[in-house]
Amino acid sequence: MKKMFWAMCAPVFALVLSACTLETPGTGPRPPSAVTLPTTGLTVSGPSGFCVDTGSIRDGANGGFVLLGSCTGLSGGNNPSLKGKTAVLTLSASAPLAQDESFDAPSVEAFFASETGRKALSRSGSARTVTLIESEVENGRLWLHARDSAPNMLAGQSDEYWRALFVLKGRLVTVTATPFNEAPMPEAGLRKLLDRFVSDLQRRNPEPL
């Protein structure tokens, strides 16, 4: 399971950087608000006002990845009223868990509090860049509030983020909400945004009976 955490926390470089800007000249068609990953078997959508960056989608035997940003920003528009009220959302899903693999949230929480765990969270692979601000286990989900001072591959993104890890349809899922440096969303609002994202994912992907 620890090897899977390393893979899930590794940076994803092939992303569309337009998802990480609030202001882009010109306008384009509105991107989709949801996407279904046929191989991974998950339907992904964000809270109201968020759309899928279709260029970010990855879906294969080893798992899937989706990035979501404000619909206005992804369409190439500019809405000053969104400053301080939006963020970038990402979802990473692992390959299907083996029968002998399980997600023990308290144990995983302890792992990320360790030097090895902080190294796994670091974009540069160095525990020194990561500060675990707080963590919480709730209803089988692990919530992490962390800061990573390593260089960010996505221009304009804050070092601080909220992340949740949980099992969904037999896969380990990691979802992250990251604000913008220029106009960061308040920490409490960022946590609420991620909570809404998680709730929507679970509603759209019910566990088989």
N, C-alpha and C. Protein backbone atom coordinates (compact mmCIF):
# COMPACT_ATOMS: atom_id res chain seq x y z
N MET A 1 0.82 -1.21 0.00
CA MET A 1 0.00 0.00 0.00
C MET A 1 0.86 1.27 0.00
N LYS A 2 2.00 1.25 0.71
CA LYS A 2 2.86 2.44 0.74
C LYS A 2 3.40 2.76 -0.64
N LYS A 3 3.72 1.71 -1.43
CA LYS A 3 4.19 1.95 -2.79
C LYS A 3 3.12 2.67 -3.59
N MET A 4 1.85 2.32 -3.33
CA MET A 4 0.76 2.97 -4.05
C MET A 4 0.67 4.44 -3.68
N PHE A 5 0.93 4.78 -2.39
CA PHE A 5 0.90 6.18 -1.98
C PHE A 5 1.95 6.99 -2.74
N TRP A 6 3.14 6.39 -2.94
CA TRP A 6 4.18 7.09 -3.70
C TRP A 6 3.69 7.40 -5.10
N ALA A 7 3.04 6.43 -5.73
CA ALA A 7 2.56 6.63 -7.10
C ALA A 7 1.44 7.65 -7.13
N MET A 8 0.55 7.61 -6.13
CA MET A 8 -0.60 8.52 -6.11
C MET A 8 -0.16 9.96 -5.84
N CYS A 9 0.92 10.14 -5.09
CA CYS A 9 1.36 11.49 -4.74
C CYS A 9 2.36 12.07 -5.72
N ALA A 10 2.81 11.27 -6.68
CA ALA A 10 3.78 11.77 -7.66
C ALA A 10 3.15 12.86 -8.50
N PRO A 11 3.89 13.90 -8.85
CA PRO A 11 3.33 14.98 -9.65
C PRO A 11 2.91 14.50 -11.03
N VAL A 12 1.85 15.07 -11.56
CA VAL A 12 1.41 14.78 -12.92
C VAL A 12 1.78 15.98 -13.77
N PHE A 13 2.75 15.79 -14.68
CA PHE A 13 3.32 16.92 -15.40
C PHE A 13 2.52 17.29 -16.65
N ALA A 14 1.90 16.32 -17.31
CA ALA A 14 1.23 16.59 -18.59
C ALA A 14 -0.16 17.15 -18.36
N LEU A 15 -0.23 18.38 -17.88
CA LEU A 15 -1.50 19.03 -17.61
C LEU A 15 -1.64 20.25 -18.50
N VAL A 16 -2.88 20.65 -18.70
CA VAL A 16 -3.15 21.88 -19.44
C VAL A 16 -3.09 23.05 -18.47
N LEU A 17 -2.11 23.94 -18.66
CA LEU A 17 -1.89 25.00 -17.69
C LEU A 17 -3.00 26.04 -17.70
N SER A 18 -3.84 26.04 -18.72
CA SER A 18 -4.95 27.01 -18.74
C SER A 18 -5.88 26.79 -17.58
N ALA A 19 -5.88 25.61 -16.99
CA ALA A 19 -6.75 25.33 -15.86
C ALA A 19 -6.29 26.07 -14.62
N CYS A 20 -5.10 26.61 -14.65
CA CYS A 20 -4.52 27.22 -13.47
C CYS A 20 -4.44 28.73 -13.60
N THR A 21 -5.25 29.32 -14.39
CA THR A 21 -5.26 30.77 -14.51
C THR A 21 -6.67 31.29 -14.41
N LEU A 22 -6.82 32.44 -13.81
CA LEU A 22 -8.13 33.07 -13.69
C LEU A 22 -8.41 33.98 -14.86
N GLU A 23 -7.38 34.38 -15.58
CA GLU A 23 -7.57 35.32 -16.66
C GLU A 23 -6.85 34.83 -17.91
N THR A 24 -7.60 34.64 -18.98
CA THR A 24 -7.05 34.21 -20.25
C THR A 24 -7.75 35.01 -21.34
N PRO A 25 -7.01 35.58 -22.30
CA PRO A 25 -7.66 36.37 -23.33
C PRO A 25 -8.55 35.51 -24.22
N GLY A 26 -9.63 36.10 -24.65
CA GLY A 26 -10.54 35.40 -25.56
C GLY A 26 -11.51 34.51 -24.82
N THR A 27 -12.46 33.97 -25.56
CA THR A 27 -13.43 33.06 -24.98
C THR A 27 -13.58 31.87 -25.90
N GLY A 28 -14.01 30.76 -25.34
CA GLY A 28 -14.19 29.55 -26.12
C GLY A 28 -15.41 28.81 -25.64
N PRO A 29 -15.67 27.63 -26.19
CA PRO A 29 -16.84 26.85 -25.77
C PRO A 29 -16.69 26.40 -24.32
N ARG A 30 -17.81 26.28 -23.66
CA ARG A 30 -17.80 25.84 -22.26
C ARG A 30 -17.40 24.38 -22.18
N PRO A 31 -16.40 24.04 -21.37
CA PRO A 31 -15.99 22.65 -21.23
C PRO A 31 -17.03 21.86 -20.45
N PRO A 32 -16.95 20.52 -20.49
CA PRO A 32 -17.96 19.70 -19.79
C PRO A 32 -17.86 19.84 -18.28
N SER A 33 -18.99 19.67 -17.61
CA SER A 33 -19.00 19.73 -16.15
C SER A 33 -18.72 18.37 -15.52
N ALA A 34 -18.74 17.32 -16.33
CA ALA A 34 -18.50 15.97 -15.81
C ALA A 34 -17.88 15.11 -16.90
N VAL A 35 -17.20 14.05 -16.46
CA VAL A 35 -16.60 13.10 -17.39
C VAL A 35 -16.65 11.72 -16.76
N THR A 36 -16.87 10.70 -17.56
CA THR A 36 -16.80 9.32 -17.10
C THR A 36 -15.56 8.67 -17.68
N LEU A 37 -14.74 8.10 -16.81
CA LEU A 37 -13.53 7.42 -17.24
C LEU A 37 -13.89 5.95 -17.50
N PRO A 38 -13.95 5.54 -18.75
CA PRO A 38 -14.45 4.18 -19.05
C PRO A 38 -13.60 3.06 -18.48
N THR A 39 -12.28 3.23 -18.46
CA THR A 39 -11.42 2.17 -17.94
C THR A 39 -11.41 2.17 -16.42
N THR A 40 -11.27 3.34 -15.83
CA THR A 40 -11.26 3.44 -14.37
C THR A 40 -12.65 3.19 -13.79
N GLY A 41 -13.69 3.52 -14.56
CA GLY A 41 -15.05 3.27 -14.12
C GLY A 41 -15.60 4.30 -13.16
N LEU A 42 -15.03 5.51 -13.15
CA LEU A 42 -15.50 6.57 -12.27
C LEU A 42 -16.09 7.72 -13.07
N THR A 43 -17.14 8.32 -12.52
CA THR A 43 -17.69 9.55 -13.08
C THR A 43 -17.23 10.70 -12.21
N VAL A 44 -16.63 11.71 -12.83
CA VAL A 44 -16.02 12.82 -12.08
C VAL A 44 -16.69 14.12 -12.47
N SER A 45 -17.14 14.85 -11.47
CA SER A 45 -17.67 16.20 -11.68
C SER A 45 -17.36 17.02 -10.44
N GLY A 46 -17.26 18.31 -10.62
CA GLY A 46 -16.95 19.18 -9.49
C GLY A 46 -18.18 19.91 -9.01
N PRO A 47 -18.02 20.73 -7.98
CA PRO A 47 -19.10 21.57 -7.49
C PRO A 47 -19.56 22.55 -8.57
N SER A 48 -20.64 23.22 -8.32
CA SER A 48 -21.18 24.19 -9.27
C SER A 48 -20.12 25.23 -9.64
N GLY A 49 -20.00 25.51 -10.93
CA GLY A 49 -19.02 26.48 -11.41
C GLY A 49 -17.71 25.87 -11.83
N PHE A 50 -17.55 24.56 -11.64
CA PHE A 50 -16.31 23.87 -12.02
C PHE A 50 -16.56 23.00 -13.25
N CYS A 51 -15.55 22.97 -14.12
CA CYS A 51 -15.62 22.16 -15.34
C CYS A 51 -14.36 21.32 -15.47
N VAL A 52 -14.44 20.33 -16.33
CA VAL A 52 -13.33 19.41 -16.55
C VAL A 52 -12.37 19.97 -17.59
N ASP A 53 -11.09 19.95 -17.26
CA ASP A 53 -10.05 20.28 -18.24
C ASP A 53 -9.82 19.01 -19.06
N THR A 54 -10.41 18.93 -20.24
CA THR A 54 -10.37 17.69 -21.01
C THR A 54 -8.96 17.30 -21.42
N GLY A 55 -8.06 18.26 -21.51
CA GLY A 55 -6.68 17.95 -21.85
C GLY A 55 -5.92 17.26 -20.74
N SER A 56 -6.46 17.29 -19.55
CA SER A 56 -5.76 16.69 -18.40
C SER A 56 -6.11 15.23 -18.20
N ILE A 57 -7.16 14.74 -18.85
CA ILE A 57 -7.70 13.42 -18.54
C ILE A 57 -6.72 12.31 -18.87
N ARG A 58 -6.52 11.42 -17.91
CA ARG A 58 -5.74 10.20 -18.09
C ARG A 58 -6.59 9.04 -17.60
N ASP A 59 -6.64 7.96 -18.35
CA ASP A 59 -7.49 6.83 -17.99
C ASP A 59 -6.88 5.56 -18.56
N GLY A 60 -6.39 4.68 -17.68
CA GLY A 60 -5.74 3.47 -18.17
C GLY A 60 -5.76 2.38 -17.13
N ALA A 61 -5.04 1.31 -17.42
CA ALA A 61 -5.03 0.15 -16.54
C ALA A 61 -4.46 0.48 -15.16
N ASN A 62 -3.57 1.47 -15.10
CA ASN A 62 -2.94 1.81 -13.82
C ASN A 62 -3.69 2.88 -13.05
N GLY A 63 -4.81 3.36 -13.58
CA GLY A 63 -5.60 4.35 -12.87
C GLY A 63 -5.98 5.52 -13.74
N GLY A 64 -6.51 6.57 -13.11
CA GLY A 64 -6.97 7.73 -13.86
C GLY A 64 -6.65 9.03 -13.18
N PHE A 65 -6.78 10.12 -13.94
CA PHE A 65 -6.50 11.46 -13.44
C PHE A 65 -7.42 12.46 -14.15
N VAL A 66 -7.95 13.41 -13.38
CA VAL A 66 -8.78 14.48 -13.95
C VAL A 66 -8.47 15.77 -13.19
N LEU A 67 -8.36 16.86 -13.92
CA LEU A 67 -8.20 18.18 -13.33
C LEU A 67 -9.43 19.01 -13.66
N LEU A 68 -9.92 19.76 -12.68
CA LEU A 68 -11.07 20.63 -12.86
C LEU A 68 -10.70 22.04 -12.43
N GLY A 69 -11.21 23.02 -13.16
CA GLY A 69 -11.02 24.42 -12.83
C GLY A 69 -12.32 25.17 -13.03
N SER A 70 -12.27 26.48 -12.83
CA SER A 70 -13.49 27.26 -13.03
C SER A 70 -13.89 27.20 -14.50
N CYS A 71 -15.19 27.05 -14.73
CA CYS A 71 -15.69 26.97 -16.11
C CYS A 71 -15.32 28.23 -16.88
N THR A 72 -15.37 29.38 -16.21
CA THR A 72 -15.03 30.64 -16.86
C THR A 72 -13.58 30.66 -17.31
N GLY A 73 -12.68 30.27 -16.41
CA GLY A 73 -11.26 30.27 -16.74
C GLY A 73 -10.91 29.29 -17.84
N LEU A 74 -11.50 28.08 -17.79
CA LEU A 74 -11.22 27.07 -18.80
C LEU A 74 -11.79 27.44 -20.16
N SER A 75 -12.81 28.30 -20.15
CA SER A 75 -13.40 28.77 -21.41
C SER A 75 -12.62 29.94 -22.00
N GLY A 76 -11.61 30.42 -21.26
CA GLY A 76 -10.83 31.56 -21.74
C GLY A 76 -11.39 32.88 -21.32
N GLY A 77 -12.34 32.88 -20.38
CA GLY A 77 -12.96 34.13 -19.93
C GLY A 77 -12.28 34.70 -18.70
N ASN A 78 -12.78 35.81 -18.25
CA ASN A 78 -12.23 36.52 -17.11
C ASN A 78 -13.38 37.06 -16.27
N ASN A 79 -13.50 36.56 -15.06
CA ASN A 79 -14.54 37.03 -14.16
C ASN A 79 -13.88 37.47 -12.86
N PRO A 80 -13.62 38.77 -12.68
CA PRO A 80 -12.93 39.24 -11.48
C PRO A 80 -13.62 38.83 -10.19
N SER A 81 -14.93 38.60 -10.23
CA SER A 81 -15.65 38.24 -9.01
C SER A 81 -15.26 36.86 -8.49
N LEU A 82 -14.59 36.06 -9.33
CA LEU A 82 -14.17 34.72 -8.91
C LEU A 82 -12.88 34.73 -8.10
N LYS A 83 -12.17 35.84 -8.11
CA LYS A 83 -10.90 35.88 -7.38
C LYS A 83 -11.13 35.66 -5.89
N GLY A 84 -10.37 34.72 -5.36
CA GLY A 84 -10.51 34.36 -3.96
C GLY A 84 -11.64 33.39 -3.70
N LYS A 85 -12.33 32.96 -4.77
CA LYS A 85 -13.49 32.07 -4.60
C LYS A 85 -13.37 30.77 -5.39
N THR A 86 -12.24 30.57 -6.03
CA THR A 86 -12.09 29.35 -6.82
C THR A 86 -10.71 28.74 -6.58
N ALA A 87 -10.53 27.54 -7.11
CA ALA A 87 -9.28 26.80 -6.90
C ALA A 87 -9.18 25.77 -8.01
N VAL A 88 -8.13 24.99 -7.97
CA VAL A 88 -7.97 23.87 -8.89
C VAL A 88 -8.25 22.58 -8.13
N LEU A 89 -9.07 21.72 -8.70
CA LEU A 89 -9.39 20.43 -8.11
C LEU A 89 -8.76 19.33 -8.96
N THR A 90 -8.20 18.33 -8.31
CA THR A 90 -7.67 17.19 -9.06
C THR A 90 -8.15 15.90 -8.41
N LEU A 91 -8.27 14.88 -9.24
CA LEU A 91 -8.60 13.53 -8.77
C LEU A 91 -7.61 12.56 -9.38
N SER A 92 -7.03 11.71 -8.54
CA SER A 92 -6.18 10.61 -8.99
C SER A 92 -6.77 9.32 -8.45
N ALA A 93 -6.92 8.32 -9.31
CA ALA A 93 -7.44 7.02 -8.90
C ALA A 93 -6.39 5.95 -9.20
N SER A 94 -6.21 5.04 -8.26
CA SER A 94 -5.22 3.99 -8.41
C SER A 94 -5.77 2.87 -9.29
N ALA A 95 -4.92 1.91 -9.57
CA ALA A 95 -5.38 0.66 -10.15
C ALA A 95 -6.28 -0.03 -9.13
N PRO A 96 -7.09 -0.99 -9.54
CA PRO A 96 -7.96 -1.68 -8.58
C PRO A 96 -7.14 -2.28 -7.43
N LEU A 97 -7.65 -2.13 -6.22
CA LEU A 97 -6.97 -2.70 -5.06
C LEU A 97 -7.08 -4.22 -5.09
N ALA A 98 -6.00 -4.87 -4.71
CA ALA A 98 -6.02 -6.33 -4.62
C ALA A 98 -6.86 -6.75 -3.41
N GLN A 99 -7.26 -8.01 -3.39
CA GLN A 99 -8.12 -8.49 -2.32
C GLN A 99 -7.45 -8.36 -0.96
N ASP A 100 -6.12 -8.46 -0.91
CA ASP A 100 -5.42 -8.38 0.37
C ASP A 100 -5.00 -6.96 0.72
N GLU A 101 -5.41 -5.99 -0.09
CA GLU A 101 -5.09 -4.59 0.18
C GLU A 101 -6.31 -3.91 0.80
N SER A 102 -6.05 -3.09 1.80
CA SER A 102 -7.12 -2.34 2.44
C SER A 102 -6.61 -0.95 2.77
N PHE A 103 -7.55 -0.04 3.00
CA PHE A 103 -7.19 1.34 3.33
C PHE A 103 -7.54 1.58 4.79
N ASP A 104 -6.53 1.61 5.63
CA ASP A 104 -6.69 1.88 7.05
C ASP A 104 -6.32 3.33 7.30
N ALA A 105 -7.32 4.20 7.33
CA ALA A 105 -7.07 5.64 7.39
C ALA A 105 -6.18 6.07 8.55
N PRO A 106 -6.38 5.56 9.80
CA PRO A 106 -5.48 5.97 10.89
C PRO A 106 -4.02 5.59 10.63
N SER A 107 -3.79 4.42 10.05
CA SER A 107 -2.41 4.00 9.75
C SER A 107 -1.80 4.89 8.67
N VAL A 108 -2.62 5.24 7.69
CA VAL A 108 -2.13 6.10 6.62
C VAL A 108 -1.84 7.50 7.16
N GLU A 109 -2.68 7.96 8.08
CA GLU A 109 -2.44 9.26 8.71
C GLU A 109 -1.09 9.26 9.42
N ALA A 110 -0.79 8.19 10.15
CA ALA A 110 0.49 8.08 10.83
C ALA A 110 1.64 8.04 9.84
N PHE A 111 1.43 7.37 8.70
CA PHE A 111 2.48 7.29 7.68
C PHE A 111 2.83 8.68 7.15
N PHE A 112 1.82 9.49 6.83
CA PHE A 112 2.09 10.81 6.27
C PHE A 112 2.67 11.78 7.31
N ALA A 113 2.50 11.46 8.59
CA ALA A 113 3.12 12.29 9.64
C ALA A 113 4.60 11.98 9.79
N SER A 114 5.04 10.86 9.23
CA SER A 114 6.45 10.46 9.33
C SER A 114 7.29 11.15 8.26
N GLU A 115 8.60 11.05 8.41
CA GLU A 115 9.50 11.63 7.41
C GLU A 115 9.31 10.97 6.05
N THR A 116 9.13 9.66 6.04
CA THR A 116 8.91 8.95 4.78
C THR A 116 7.62 9.40 4.12
N GLY A 117 6.59 9.60 4.92
CA GLY A 117 5.31 10.06 4.38
C GLY A 117 5.39 11.46 3.82
N ARG A 118 6.09 12.36 4.52
CA ARG A 118 6.23 13.72 4.02
C ARG A 118 7.08 13.74 2.74
N LYS A 119 8.01 12.81 2.64
CA LYS A 119 8.79 12.69 1.42
C LYS A 119 7.89 12.29 0.25
N ALA A 120 6.93 11.40 0.53
CA ALA A 120 5.99 10.98 -0.50
C ALA A 120 5.10 12.13 -0.95
N LEU A 121 4.79 13.04 -0.03
CA LEU A 121 3.93 14.18 -0.36
C LEU A 121 4.68 15.28 -1.12
N SER A 122 5.99 15.30 -1.00
CA SER A 122 6.79 16.38 -1.59
C SER A 122 6.87 16.29 -3.11
N ARG A 123 6.71 17.41 -3.76
CA ARG A 123 6.86 17.45 -5.22
C ARG A 123 8.30 17.19 -5.64
N SER A 124 9.26 17.46 -4.74
CA SER A 124 10.67 17.24 -5.06
C SER A 124 11.22 15.97 -4.42
N GLY A 125 10.37 15.25 -3.68
CA GLY A 125 10.82 14.03 -3.03
C GLY A 125 11.63 14.27 -1.77
N SER A 126 11.54 15.47 -1.20
CA SER A 126 12.28 15.82 0.01
C SER A 126 11.31 16.13 1.14
N ALA A 127 11.42 15.42 2.25
CA ALA A 127 10.54 15.65 3.38
C ALA A 127 10.67 17.07 3.93
N ARG A 128 11.81 17.70 3.71
CA ARG A 128 12.04 19.04 4.25
C ARG A 128 11.13 20.10 3.65
N THR A 129 10.58 19.83 2.46
CA THR A 129 9.72 20.84 1.83
C THR A 129 8.28 20.79 2.31
N VAL A 130 7.92 19.75 3.04
CA VAL A 130 6.51 19.53 3.39
C VAL A 130 6.26 19.79 4.87
N THR A 131 5.23 20.57 5.14
CA THR A 131 4.72 20.76 6.49
C THR A 131 3.30 20.23 6.54
N LEU A 132 3.06 19.26 7.41
CA LEU A 132 1.72 18.73 7.59
C LEU A 132 1.03 19.60 8.63
N ILE A 133 0.14 20.47 8.18
CA ILE A 133 -0.50 21.44 9.07
C ILE A 133 -1.51 20.76 9.98
N GLU A 134 -2.33 19.91 9.43
CA GLU A 134 -3.30 19.16 10.22
C GLU A 134 -3.79 17.97 9.42
N SER A 135 -4.33 16.99 10.14
CA SER A 135 -4.91 15.82 9.49
C SER A 135 -6.09 15.34 10.32
N GLU A 136 -6.98 14.61 9.66
CA GLU A 136 -8.19 14.16 10.34
C GLU A 136 -8.71 12.90 9.66
N VAL A 137 -9.17 11.95 10.44
CA VAL A 137 -9.82 10.75 9.91
C VAL A 137 -11.31 10.87 10.20
N GLU A 138 -12.11 10.70 9.15
CA GLU A 138 -13.56 10.87 9.29
C GLU A 138 -14.27 9.92 8.33
N ASN A 139 -15.10 9.03 8.88
CA ASN A 139 -15.91 8.12 8.07
C ASN A 139 -15.08 7.35 7.05
N GLY A 140 -13.91 6.89 7.48
CA GLY A 140 -13.07 6.10 6.60
C GLY A 140 -12.26 6.91 5.62
N ARG A 141 -12.38 8.23 5.68
CA ARG A 141 -11.60 9.11 4.79
C ARG A 141 -10.50 9.80 5.60
N LEU A 142 -9.36 10.04 4.93
CA LEU A 142 -8.26 10.78 5.54
C LEU A 142 -8.18 12.15 4.90
N TRP A 143 -8.20 13.19 5.73
CA TRP A 143 -8.09 14.57 5.26
C TRP A 143 -6.71 15.10 5.66
N LEU A 144 -6.01 15.69 4.71
CA LEU A 144 -4.70 16.27 4.97
C LEU A 144 -4.69 17.75 4.57
N HIS A 145 -4.17 18.57 5.44
CA HIS A 145 -3.94 19.99 5.14
C HIS A 145 -2.44 20.19 5.22
N ALA A 146 -1.82 20.48 4.08
CA ALA A 146 -0.36 20.51 4.03
C ALA A 146 0.16 21.69 3.21
N ARG A 147 1.46 21.92 3.36
CA ARG A 147 2.15 22.96 2.59
C ARG A 147 3.42 22.34 2.03
N ASP A 148 3.68 22.58 0.74
CA ASP A 148 4.88 22.05 0.08
C ASP A 148 5.62 23.21 -0.58
N SER A 149 6.81 23.50 -0.08
CA SER A 149 7.58 24.64 -0.59
C SER A 149 8.39 24.30 -1.84
N ALA A 150 8.34 23.04 -2.29
CA ALA A 150 9.06 22.67 -3.52
C ALA A 150 8.43 23.39 -4.71
N PRO A 151 9.20 23.62 -5.77
CA PRO A 151 8.66 24.32 -6.95
C PRO A 151 7.38 23.65 -7.46
N ASN A 152 6.41 24.49 -7.78
CA ASN A 152 5.12 24.00 -8.27
C ASN A 152 5.12 23.98 -9.78
N MET A 153 4.75 22.85 -10.37
CA MET A 153 4.75 22.73 -11.83
C MET A 153 3.61 23.50 -12.47
N LEU A 154 2.62 23.87 -11.69
CA LEU A 154 1.47 24.60 -12.22
C LEU A 154 1.59 26.06 -11.81
N ALA A 155 1.81 26.91 -12.77
CA ALA A 155 2.05 28.32 -12.50
C ALA A 155 0.88 28.95 -11.76
N GLY A 156 1.19 29.74 -10.73
CA GLY A 156 0.17 30.48 -10.01
C GLY A 156 -0.47 29.74 -8.87
N GLN A 157 -0.07 28.48 -8.64
CA GLN A 157 -0.67 27.69 -7.58
C GLN A 157 -0.01 27.97 -6.23
N SER A 158 -0.81 27.92 -5.18
CA SER A 158 -0.31 28.10 -3.82
C SER A 158 0.46 26.86 -3.37
N ASP A 159 1.32 27.03 -2.37
CA ASP A 159 2.04 25.91 -1.78
C ASP A 159 1.14 25.09 -0.86
N GLU A 160 0.04 25.69 -0.44
CA GLU A 160 -0.83 25.06 0.56
C GLU A 160 -2.03 24.40 -0.13
N TYR A 161 -2.48 23.28 0.42
CA TYR A 161 -3.61 22.58 -0.19
C TYR A 161 -4.32 21.71 0.84
N TRP A 162 -5.54 21.31 0.50
CA TRP A 162 -6.29 20.29 1.24
C TRP A 162 -6.38 19.07 0.36
N ARG A 163 -6.27 17.88 0.96
CA ARG A 163 -6.32 16.63 0.21
C ARG A 163 -7.13 15.60 1.00
N ALA A 164 -7.86 14.76 0.29
CA ALA A 164 -8.61 13.66 0.92
C ALA A 164 -8.27 12.36 0.22
N LEU A 165 -8.12 11.29 0.99
CA LEU A 165 -7.87 9.96 0.46
C LEU A 165 -8.93 9.01 0.97
N PHE A 166 -9.47 8.18 0.08
CA PHE A 166 -10.52 7.24 0.46
C PHE A 166 -10.66 6.21 -0.66
N VAL A 167 -11.40 5.16 -0.38
CA VAL A 167 -11.63 4.11 -1.36
C VAL A 167 -12.97 4.34 -2.04
N LEU A 168 -12.96 4.27 -3.36
CA LEU A 168 -14.17 4.46 -4.15
C LEU A 168 -14.21 3.41 -5.24
N LYS A 169 -15.24 2.58 -5.20
CA LYS A 169 -15.42 1.52 -6.19
C LYS A 169 -14.16 0.66 -6.35
N GLY A 170 -13.56 0.30 -5.22
CA GLY A 170 -12.42 -0.60 -5.22
C GLY A 170 -11.11 0.02 -5.61
N ARG A 171 -11.04 1.34 -5.64
CA ARG A 171 -9.79 2.04 -5.98
C ARG A 171 -9.46 3.07 -4.91
N LEU A 172 -8.17 3.26 -4.67
CA LEU A 172 -7.75 4.33 -3.77
C LEU A 172 -7.80 5.64 -4.55
N VAL A 173 -8.58 6.58 -4.03
CA VAL A 173 -8.78 7.86 -4.71
C VAL A 173 -8.16 8.97 -3.87
N THR A 174 -7.44 9.85 -4.52
CA THR A 174 -6.87 11.04 -3.89
C THR A 174 -7.42 12.27 -4.58
N VAL A 175 -8.07 13.15 -3.83
CA VAL A 175 -8.59 14.39 -4.40
C VAL A 175 -7.95 15.56 -3.67
N THR A 176 -7.62 16.60 -4.42
CA THR A 176 -6.88 17.74 -3.87
C THR A 176 -7.50 19.04 -4.33
N ALA A 177 -7.55 20.01 -3.42
CA ALA A 177 -8.00 21.37 -3.74
C ALA A 177 -6.85 22.32 -3.44
N THR A 178 -6.42 23.05 -4.48
CA THR A 178 -5.28 23.96 -4.35
C THR A 178 -5.71 25.36 -4.78
N PRO A 179 -5.52 26.37 -3.94
CA PRO A 179 -5.90 27.73 -4.31
C PRO A 179 -4.84 28.40 -5.17
N PHE A 180 -5.12 29.64 -5.54
CA PHE A 180 -4.19 30.43 -6.35
C PHE A 180 -3.39 31.38 -5.45
N ASN A 181 -2.14 31.63 -5.83
CA ASN A 181 -1.31 32.57 -5.07
C ASN A 181 -1.87 33.99 -5.13
N GLU A 182 -2.31 34.39 -6.31
CA GLU A 182 -2.73 35.78 -6.52
C GLU A 182 -3.93 36.15 -5.66
N ALA A 183 -4.90 35.22 -5.56
CA ALA A 183 -6.10 35.49 -4.79
C ALA A 183 -6.54 34.19 -4.12
N PRO A 184 -5.85 33.80 -3.06
CA PRO A 184 -6.13 32.50 -2.44
C PRO A 184 -7.50 32.42 -1.79
N MET A 185 -8.15 31.28 -1.96
CA MET A 185 -9.39 31.02 -1.26
C MET A 185 -9.09 30.82 0.22
N PRO A 186 -9.91 31.36 1.12
CA PRO A 186 -9.67 31.14 2.55
C PRO A 186 -9.62 29.65 2.87
N GLU A 187 -8.82 29.30 3.87
CA GLU A 187 -8.59 27.88 4.19
C GLU A 187 -9.89 27.15 4.49
N ALA A 188 -10.78 27.76 5.26
CA ALA A 188 -12.05 27.10 5.60
C ALA A 188 -12.89 26.86 4.34
N GLY A 189 -12.88 27.83 3.43
CA GLY A 189 -13.63 27.68 2.19
C GLY A 189 -13.04 26.59 1.32
N LEU A 190 -11.70 26.45 1.34
CA LEU A 190 -11.05 25.42 0.54
C LEU A 190 -11.43 24.03 1.04
N ARG A 191 -11.49 23.87 2.36
CA ARG A 191 -11.89 22.57 2.93
C ARG A 191 -13.35 22.26 2.57
N LYS A 192 -14.20 23.25 2.64
CA LYS A 192 -15.61 23.03 2.28
C LYS A 192 -15.76 22.67 0.81
N LEU A 193 -14.96 23.31 -0.03
CA LEU A 193 -14.99 23.00 -1.46
C LEU A 193 -14.61 21.55 -1.70
N LEU A 194 -13.54 21.10 -1.04
CA LEU A 194 -13.11 19.72 -1.21
C LEU A 194 -14.15 18.76 -0.67
N ASP A 195 -14.79 19.11 0.42
CA ASP A 195 -15.84 18.26 1.00
C ASP A 195 -17.00 18.10 0.01
N ARG A 196 -17.36 19.18 -0.66
CA ARG A 196 -18.43 19.11 -1.67
C ARG A 196 -18.01 18.23 -2.84
N PHE A 197 -16.73 18.33 -3.24
CA PHE A 197 -16.21 17.51 -4.33
C PHE A 197 -16.28 16.02 -3.95
N VAL A 198 -15.85 15.69 -2.75
CA VAL A 198 -15.88 14.30 -2.29
C VAL A 198 -17.31 13.78 -2.23
N SER A 199 -18.21 14.59 -1.69
CA SER A 199 -19.62 14.16 -1.58
C SER A 199 -20.22 13.90 -2.96
N ASP A 200 -19.90 14.74 -3.92
CA ASP A 200 -20.44 14.56 -5.27
C ASP A 200 -19.86 13.30 -5.91
N LEU A 201 -18.58 13.04 -5.69
CA LEU A 201 -17.97 11.83 -6.24
C LEU A 201 -18.63 10.58 -5.68
N GLN A 202 -18.89 10.58 -4.39
CA GLN A 202 -19.51 9.41 -3.78
C GLN A 202 -20.95 9.23 -4.22
N ARG A 203 -21.64 10.34 -4.45
CA ARG A 203 -23.03 10.27 -4.93
C ARG A 203 -23.09 9.73 -6.35
N ARG A 204 -22.15 10.13 -7.19
CA ARG A 204 -22.15 9.70 -8.58
C ARG A 204 -21.54 8.31 -8.80
N ASN A 205 -20.85 7.82 -7.78
CA ASN A 205 -20.18 6.52 -7.91
C ASN A 205 -20.56 5.62 -6.74
N PRO A 206 -21.82 5.21 -6.66
CA PRO A 206 -22.25 4.38 -5.53
C PRO A 206 -21.55 3.02 -5.55
N GLU A 207 -21.28 2.53 -4.36
CA GLU A 207 -20.66 1.22 -4.25
C GLU A 207 -21.66 0.14 -4.66
N PRO A 208 -21.22 -0.89 -5.39
CA PRO A 208 -22.13 -1.96 -5.79
C PRO A 208 -22.68 -2.69 -4.58
N LEU A 209 -23.92 -3.10 -4.67
CA LEU A 209 -24.57 -3.81 -3.56
C LEU A 209 -24.04 -5.25 -3.48
